Amino acid sequence: MAILSVFIILSLNCDRSKDMNNKYDGSRNMDINLVKEKYVDALMKIPGVVGVYVGETEEKYPCIKVMIREETDSTKKYIPKELEGFPVIIEVTGEIKPM
């Protein structure tokens, strides 16, 4: 049930219909840090997600990076490709433990 709730929240607030090849054009007025903070709790509830942070694409555009232990069907299914116009990039990091 929790996964369904997370999926509904994320799907209402992201546009999966846009192609990931669309480049960030710098025209977004929203602060990516505010977007990340808005969705971090929902993303962290997805099984396998170990962290969320603001990063850059290979082209040096801002993006939201989601760190996962391993790639699974649920991570592919429930992590959106973008949030409020910012691309979401999945990084397989393995388990993250505090030092």
N, C-alpha and C. Protein backbone atom coordinates (compact mmCIF):
# COMPACT_ATOMS: atom_id res chain seq x y z
N MET A 1 0.82 -1.19 0.00
CA MET A 1 0.00 0.00 0.00
C MET A 1 0.87 1.26 0.00
N ALA A 2 1.97 1.23 0.75
CA ALA A 2 2.86 2.39 0.81
C ALA A 2 3.46 2.69 -0.56
N ILE A 3 3.84 1.64 -1.28
CA ILE A 3 4.42 1.84 -2.62
C ILE A 3 3.38 2.46 -3.54
N LEU A 4 2.15 2.02 -3.45
CA LEU A 4 1.08 2.58 -4.28
C LEU A 4 0.90 4.06 -3.97
N SER A 5 0.93 4.43 -2.69
CA SER A 5 0.79 5.83 -2.30
C SER A 5 1.93 6.67 -2.87
N VAL A 6 3.15 6.17 -2.78
CA VAL A 6 4.31 6.88 -3.31
C VAL A 6 4.16 7.05 -4.81
N PHE A 7 3.76 5.98 -5.49
CA PHE A 7 3.60 6.04 -6.94
C PHE A 7 2.55 7.09 -7.32
N ILE A 8 1.45 7.13 -6.63
CA ILE A 8 0.39 8.10 -6.93
C ILE A 8 0.90 9.52 -6.73
N ILE A 9 1.59 9.78 -5.63
CA ILE A 9 2.12 11.12 -5.36
C ILE A 9 3.08 11.54 -6.46
N LEU A 10 4.00 10.65 -6.81
CA LEU A 10 4.99 10.99 -7.83
C LEU A 10 4.36 11.13 -9.21
N SER A 11 3.43 10.27 -9.54
CA SER A 11 2.85 10.32 -10.88
C SER A 11 1.97 11.55 -11.06
N LEU A 12 1.40 12.07 -10.01
CA LEU A 12 0.60 13.28 -10.13
C LEU A 12 1.46 14.52 -10.35
N ASN A 13 2.73 14.44 -9.95
CA ASN A 13 3.58 15.62 -9.98
C ASN A 13 4.75 15.52 -10.95
N CYS A 14 4.75 14.56 -11.84
CA CYS A 14 5.81 14.48 -12.83
C CYS A 14 5.21 14.13 -14.17
N ASP A 15 5.95 14.44 -15.21
CA ASP A 15 5.46 14.21 -16.56
C ASP A 15 6.31 13.14 -17.21
N ARG A 16 5.78 11.89 -17.25
CA ARG A 16 6.52 10.79 -17.85
C ARG A 16 6.45 10.83 -19.37
N SER A 17 5.61 11.68 -19.94
CA SER A 17 5.43 11.68 -21.39
C SER A 17 6.57 12.38 -22.12
N LYS A 18 7.35 13.18 -21.41
CA LYS A 18 8.45 13.88 -22.06
C LYS A 18 9.61 12.95 -22.29
N ASP A 19 10.28 13.12 -23.39
CA ASP A 19 11.43 12.30 -23.74
C ASP A 19 12.65 12.79 -22.96
N MET A 20 13.45 11.85 -22.44
CA MET A 20 14.64 12.23 -21.69
C MET A 20 15.66 12.95 -22.58
N ASN A 21 15.51 12.90 -23.89
CA ASN A 21 16.43 13.61 -24.76
C ASN A 21 16.15 15.10 -24.81
N ASN A 22 15.00 15.53 -24.27
CA ASN A 22 14.75 16.96 -24.18
C ASN A 22 15.75 17.55 -23.22
N LYS A 23 16.45 18.58 -23.64
CA LYS A 23 17.50 19.18 -22.82
C LYS A 23 16.92 20.25 -21.91
N TYR A 24 17.50 20.38 -20.75
CA TYR A 24 17.17 21.48 -19.86
C TYR A 24 17.60 22.76 -20.55
N ASP A 25 16.69 23.70 -20.66
CA ASP A 25 17.02 24.91 -21.42
C ASP A 25 17.31 26.12 -20.55
N GLY A 26 17.33 25.94 -19.24
CA GLY A 26 17.66 27.04 -18.34
C GLY A 26 16.50 27.98 -18.07
N SER A 27 15.34 27.71 -18.66
CA SER A 27 14.22 28.64 -18.51
C SER A 27 13.33 28.34 -17.30
N ARG A 28 13.60 27.25 -16.60
CA ARG A 28 12.76 26.93 -15.45
C ARG A 28 12.99 27.93 -14.33
N ASN A 29 11.91 28.39 -13.77
CA ASN A 29 12.01 29.37 -12.70
C ASN A 29 12.08 28.72 -11.33
N MET A 30 11.78 27.44 -11.24
CA MET A 30 11.75 26.76 -9.97
C MET A 30 13.15 26.36 -9.53
N ASP A 31 13.42 26.47 -8.26
CA ASP A 31 14.70 26.06 -7.68
C ASP A 31 14.71 24.54 -7.55
N ILE A 32 15.70 23.89 -8.15
CA ILE A 32 15.77 22.43 -8.12
C ILE A 32 15.88 21.90 -6.69
N ASN A 33 16.49 22.67 -5.80
CA ASN A 33 16.59 22.24 -4.41
C ASN A 33 15.22 22.15 -3.75
N LEU A 34 14.32 23.06 -4.11
CA LEU A 34 12.96 23.02 -3.58
C LEU A 34 12.20 21.82 -4.14
N VAL A 35 12.43 21.52 -5.42
CA VAL A 35 11.79 20.36 -6.04
C VAL A 35 12.28 19.09 -5.35
N LYS A 36 13.59 18.97 -5.13
CA LYS A 36 14.12 17.79 -4.45
C LYS A 36 13.52 17.64 -3.06
N GLU A 37 13.48 18.72 -2.31
CA GLU A 37 12.92 18.66 -0.96
C GLU A 37 11.45 18.27 -0.96
N LYS A 38 10.73 18.70 -1.98
CA LYS A 38 9.30 18.37 -2.10
C LYS A 38 9.08 16.87 -2.26
N TYR A 39 10.00 16.18 -2.96
CA TYR A 39 9.80 14.77 -3.29
C TYR A 39 10.71 13.79 -2.55
N VAL A 40 11.67 14.28 -1.78
CA VAL A 40 12.65 13.38 -1.17
C VAL A 40 12.01 12.34 -0.27
N ASP A 41 11.03 12.71 0.53
CA ASP A 41 10.40 11.73 1.43
C ASP A 41 9.69 10.63 0.65
N ALA A 42 8.97 11.00 -0.41
CA ALA A 42 8.28 10.00 -1.22
C ALA A 42 9.27 9.10 -1.94
N LEU A 43 10.35 9.66 -2.47
CA LEU A 43 11.36 8.85 -3.15
C LEU A 43 12.04 7.89 -2.19
N MET A 44 12.34 8.35 -0.98
CA MET A 44 13.03 7.50 0.00
C MET A 44 12.16 6.34 0.47
N LYS A 45 10.86 6.42 0.29
CA LYS A 45 9.96 5.32 0.67
C LYS A 45 9.93 4.20 -0.37
N ILE A 46 10.48 4.44 -1.53
CA ILE A 46 10.52 3.41 -2.56
C ILE A 46 11.56 2.37 -2.15
N PRO A 47 11.19 1.09 -2.11
CA PRO A 47 12.15 0.06 -1.70
C PRO A 47 13.41 0.08 -2.57
N GLY A 48 14.56 0.08 -1.91
CA GLY A 48 15.84 0.08 -2.60
C GLY A 48 16.49 1.44 -2.75
N VAL A 49 15.73 2.52 -2.52
CA VAL A 49 16.31 3.87 -2.62
C VAL A 49 17.10 4.15 -1.32
N VAL A 50 18.35 4.58 -1.49
CA VAL A 50 19.21 4.85 -0.33
C VAL A 50 19.61 6.31 -0.21
N GLY A 51 19.26 7.13 -1.20
CA GLY A 51 19.59 8.55 -1.12
C GLY A 51 19.07 9.33 -2.31
N VAL A 52 18.94 10.65 -2.11
CA VAL A 52 18.47 11.57 -3.15
C VAL A 52 19.28 12.85 -3.01
N TYR A 53 19.77 13.36 -4.13
CA TYR A 53 20.52 14.61 -4.08
C TYR A 53 20.43 15.36 -5.41
N VAL A 54 20.82 16.62 -5.39
CA VAL A 54 20.86 17.43 -6.60
C VAL A 54 22.23 17.26 -7.23
N GLY A 55 22.24 16.95 -8.52
CA GLY A 55 23.49 16.77 -9.24
C GLY A 55 23.42 17.42 -10.60
N GLU A 56 24.26 16.93 -11.51
CA GLU A 56 24.30 17.44 -12.87
C GLU A 56 24.25 16.29 -13.86
N THR A 57 23.65 16.54 -15.01
CA THR A 57 23.68 15.57 -16.10
C THR A 57 25.07 15.62 -16.73
N GLU A 58 25.33 14.72 -17.66
CA GLU A 58 26.61 14.73 -18.37
C GLU A 58 26.81 16.05 -19.12
N GLU A 59 25.70 16.68 -19.50
CA GLU A 59 25.76 17.96 -20.22
C GLU A 59 25.85 19.15 -19.27
N LYS A 60 25.99 18.89 -17.98
CA LYS A 60 26.14 19.93 -16.94
C LYS A 60 24.86 20.69 -16.64
N TYR A 61 23.70 20.05 -16.88
CA TYR A 61 22.43 20.65 -16.50
C TYR A 61 22.01 20.09 -15.15
N PRO A 62 21.27 20.86 -14.35
CA PRO A 62 20.85 20.36 -13.04
C PRO A 62 19.88 19.19 -13.17
N CYS A 63 20.00 18.25 -12.24
CA CYS A 63 19.10 17.10 -12.22
C CYS A 63 18.96 16.61 -10.79
N ILE A 64 18.01 15.72 -10.59
CA ILE A 64 17.83 15.08 -9.29
C ILE A 64 18.35 13.66 -9.43
N LYS A 65 19.28 13.28 -8.58
CA LYS A 65 19.87 11.94 -8.63
C LYS A 65 19.29 11.10 -7.50
N VAL A 66 18.90 9.88 -7.86
CA VAL A 66 18.34 8.94 -6.90
C VAL A 66 19.29 7.76 -6.81
N MET A 67 19.84 7.54 -5.62
CA MET A 67 20.77 6.43 -5.40
C MET A 67 19.98 5.20 -4.96
N ILE A 68 20.28 4.06 -5.59
CA ILE A 68 19.59 2.81 -5.26
C ILE A 68 20.62 1.72 -4.95
N ARG A 69 20.18 0.75 -4.12
CA ARG A 69 21.06 -0.39 -3.80
C ARG A 69 21.34 -1.22 -5.03
N GLU A 70 20.28 -1.57 -5.75
CA GLU A 70 20.40 -2.36 -6.98
C GLU A 70 19.18 -2.07 -7.85
N GLU A 71 19.33 -2.31 -9.13
CA GLU A 71 18.22 -2.06 -10.04
C GLU A 71 17.23 -3.21 -9.95
N THR A 72 15.97 -2.87 -9.70
CA THR A 72 14.90 -3.87 -9.59
C THR A 72 13.70 -3.38 -10.40
N ASP A 73 12.71 -4.24 -10.53
CA ASP A 73 11.49 -3.84 -11.23
C ASP A 73 10.82 -2.65 -10.55
N SER A 74 10.81 -2.64 -9.22
CA SER A 74 10.14 -1.54 -8.53
C SER A 74 10.89 -0.22 -8.69
N THR A 75 12.24 -0.26 -8.72
CA THR A 75 12.94 1.01 -8.92
C THR A 75 12.70 1.54 -10.32
N LYS A 76 12.66 0.67 -11.31
CA LYS A 76 12.37 1.11 -12.67
C LYS A 76 10.95 1.64 -12.80
N LYS A 77 10.03 1.00 -12.09
CA LYS A 77 8.61 1.34 -12.22
C LYS A 77 8.23 2.60 -11.45
N TYR A 78 8.76 2.78 -10.26
CA TYR A 78 8.28 3.83 -9.38
C TYR A 78 9.12 5.10 -9.35
N ILE A 79 10.34 5.07 -9.86
CA ILE A 79 11.14 6.29 -9.89
C ILE A 79 10.84 7.00 -11.20
N PRO A 80 10.35 8.24 -11.12
CA PRO A 80 9.98 8.96 -12.34
C PRO A 80 11.21 9.37 -13.16
N LYS A 81 11.00 9.65 -14.42
CA LYS A 81 12.08 10.10 -15.29
C LYS A 81 12.35 11.59 -15.13
N GLU A 82 11.37 12.31 -14.64
CA GLU A 82 11.57 13.73 -14.35
C GLU A 82 10.59 14.18 -13.30
N LEU A 83 10.96 15.24 -12.60
CA LEU A 83 10.10 15.86 -11.60
C LEU A 83 10.05 17.36 -11.87
N GLU A 84 8.87 17.84 -12.13
CA GLU A 84 8.63 19.26 -12.39
C GLU A 84 9.61 19.84 -13.41
N GLY A 85 9.88 19.05 -14.45
CA GLY A 85 10.73 19.51 -15.53
C GLY A 85 12.20 19.20 -15.38
N PHE A 86 12.63 18.75 -14.21
CA PHE A 86 14.03 18.40 -14.01
C PHE A 86 14.21 16.90 -14.22
N PRO A 87 15.26 16.50 -14.96
CA PRO A 87 15.49 15.07 -15.16
C PRO A 87 15.86 14.37 -13.86
N VAL A 88 15.45 13.11 -13.74
CA VAL A 88 15.81 12.28 -12.59
C VAL A 88 16.72 11.18 -13.13
N ILE A 89 17.88 11.07 -12.52
CA ILE A 89 18.87 10.08 -12.93
C ILE A 89 19.07 9.08 -11.79
N ILE A 90 19.01 7.80 -12.14
CA ILE A 90 19.20 6.73 -11.16
C ILE A 90 20.66 6.31 -11.15
N GLU A 91 21.24 6.21 -9.95
CA GLU A 91 22.60 5.73 -9.76
C GLU A 91 22.57 4.49 -8.89
N VAL A 92 23.15 3.41 -9.36
CA VAL A 92 23.26 2.20 -8.55
C VAL A 92 24.52 2.35 -7.70
N THR A 93 24.33 2.49 -6.38
CA THR A 93 25.45 2.74 -5.47
C THR A 93 25.71 1.59 -4.51
N GLY A 94 24.75 0.66 -4.41
CA GLY A 94 24.85 -0.35 -3.38
C GLY A 94 24.36 0.24 -2.06
N GLU A 95 24.53 -0.52 -1.00
CA GLU A 95 24.09 -0.07 0.33
C GLU A 95 24.96 1.09 0.79
N ILE A 96 24.35 2.09 1.40
CA ILE A 96 25.08 3.23 1.96
C ILE A 96 24.98 3.12 3.48
N LYS A 97 26.12 3.09 4.14
CA LYS A 97 26.15 2.96 5.61
C LYS A 97 26.89 4.15 6.20
N PRO A 98 26.40 4.67 7.33
CA PRO A 98 27.12 5.77 7.99
C PRO A 98 28.47 5.29 8.52
N MET A 99 29.42 6.17 8.51
CA MET A 99 30.76 5.82 9.00
C MET A 99 30.86 5.97 10.50
